[in-house]
Amino acid sequence: MTEETTTKRPRRMAREAKPKAPSAPPAAKPQSKGALVEDLLQQSGGASLDDLCQATGWLPHTCRAFLTGLRKKGRTVERSKREDGVTIYRIAATQAAA
């Protein structure tokens, strides 16, 4: 009689482990849309509603709501019209208390 010796194969994982990528320096945090709008409003020429919508991808009512939120936070948002009739929004420069 011959006896067969069976040896079990080592178990294989369902998925092979991925080699770790060399750690890259952390990327800079992307600028929020709110900060982007504030930057546009602080420019000397201000920004139109269309400029804000194109920069953020928001709809016009969302941009206007954000402007209202800035006013509620105490920021002074000025509104004026250009010669072609387009409304321009800008944040008024705050003066430091003397």
Protein backbone atom coordinates (compact mmCIF):
# COMPACT_ATOMS: atom_id res chain seq x y z
CA MET A 1 0.00 0.00 0.00
CA THR A 2 1.16 3.39 -0.81
CA GLU A 3 0.31 6.35 1.22
CA GLU A 4 -0.03 9.65 -0.46
CA THR A 5 1.04 12.65 1.41
CA THR A 6 -0.95 15.70 0.67
CA THR A 7 0.44 19.06 1.38
CA LYS A 8 -1.83 22.04 1.39
CA ARG A 9 -1.03 24.94 -0.78
CA PRO A 10 -0.62 28.24 0.99
CA ARG A 11 -3.77 30.33 0.80
CA ARG A 12 -3.81 33.12 -1.70
CA MET A 13 -5.54 36.37 -1.08
CA ALA A 14 -8.46 37.28 -3.32
CA ARG A 15 -6.70 40.49 -4.27
CA GLU A 16 -3.04 41.07 -4.45
CA ALA A 17 -1.77 43.81 -2.20
CA LYS A 18 -0.93 46.96 -4.10
CA PRO A 19 2.56 48.30 -3.62
CA LYS A 20 2.58 51.56 -1.73
CA ALA A 21 3.30 54.60 -3.83
CA PRO A 22 6.08 56.87 -2.63
CA SER A 23 4.53 59.49 -0.42
CA ALA A 24 4.19 62.76 -2.27
CA PRO A 25 4.01 66.05 -0.41
CA PRO A 26 0.38 66.87 0.38
CA ALA A 27 -1.25 69.00 -2.29
CA ALA A 28 -2.39 72.46 -1.33
CA LYS A 29 -5.98 72.56 -0.19
CA PRO A 30 -8.19 73.73 -3.03
CA GLN A 31 -9.68 77.14 -2.58
CA SER A 32 -13.33 77.08 -1.56
CA LYS A 33 -15.94 78.65 -3.79
CA GLY A 34 -16.83 81.12 -1.07
CA ALA A 35 -13.24 82.30 -0.85
CA LEU A 36 -13.13 82.55 -4.64
CA VAL A 37 -16.22 84.77 -4.65
CA GLU A 38 -14.75 87.00 -1.95
CA ASP A 39 -11.52 87.36 -3.95
CA LEU A 40 -13.49 88.37 -7.04
CA LEU A 41 -15.49 90.90 -5.03
CA GLN A 42 -12.35 92.45 -3.56
CA GLN A 43 -10.92 93.31 -6.97
CA SER A 44 -10.92 97.00 -7.77
CA GLY A 45 -13.46 96.55 -10.58
CA GLY A 46 -15.68 94.21 -8.60
CA ALA A 47 -17.52 91.36 -10.29
CA SER A 48 -20.79 90.96 -12.12
CA LEU A 49 -23.30 88.23 -11.35
CA ASP A 50 -22.28 86.45 -14.55
CA ASP A 51 -18.62 86.52 -13.46
CA LEU A 52 -19.53 84.95 -10.11
CA CYS A 53 -21.70 82.27 -11.75
CA GLN A 54 -18.98 81.32 -14.24
CA ALA A 55 -16.27 81.17 -11.58
CA THR A 56 -18.25 78.99 -9.17
CA GLY A 57 -20.65 77.05 -11.37
CA TRP A 58 -23.53 78.28 -9.20
CA LEU A 59 -26.87 79.48 -10.48
CA PRO A 60 -27.64 83.21 -10.20
CA HIS A 61 -29.99 82.81 -7.22
CA THR A 62 -27.26 80.94 -5.34
CA CYS A 63 -24.74 83.72 -5.99
CA ARG A 64 -27.20 86.34 -4.78
CA ALA A 65 -27.93 84.26 -1.68
CA PHE A 66 -24.19 84.07 -0.95
CA LEU A 67 -23.98 87.87 -1.24
CA THR A 68 -26.84 88.15 1.24
CA GLY A 69 -24.96 85.81 3.57
CA LEU A 70 -21.90 88.06 3.36
CA ARG A 71 -24.06 91.03 4.33
CA LYS A 72 -25.44 89.12 7.31
CA LYS A 73 -21.89 88.32 8.40
CA GLY A 74 -21.19 92.05 8.56
CA ARG A 75 -19.36 92.54 5.26
CA THR A 76 -20.31 95.64 3.29
CA VAL A 77 -21.25 94.61 -0.23
CA GLU A 78 -21.62 97.56 -2.58
CA ARG A 79 -23.76 97.36 -5.70
CA SER A 80 -23.42 99.67 -8.68
CA LYS A 81 -24.28 99.68 -12.37
CA ARG A 82 -21.90 100.03 -15.26
CA GLU A 83 -22.69 102.15 -18.29
CA ASP A 84 -23.93 99.08 -20.16
CA GLY A 85 -26.47 98.36 -17.40
CA VAL A 86 -24.68 95.37 -15.82
CA THR A 87 -24.77 95.31 -12.01
CA ILE A 88 -21.36 95.10 -10.37
CA TYR A 89 -20.83 93.88 -6.82
CA ARG A 90 -17.79 94.61 -4.68
CA ILE A 91 -16.81 94.32 -1.06
CA ALA A 92 -16.13 97.73 0.44
CA ALA A 93 -12.64 98.15 1.84
CA THR A 94 -12.73 98.11 5.61
CA GLN A 95 -10.71 100.75 7.38
CA ALA A 96 -8.76 99.83 10.46
CA ALA A 97 -9.86 101.57 13.63
CA ALA A 98 -7.42 104.22 14.70
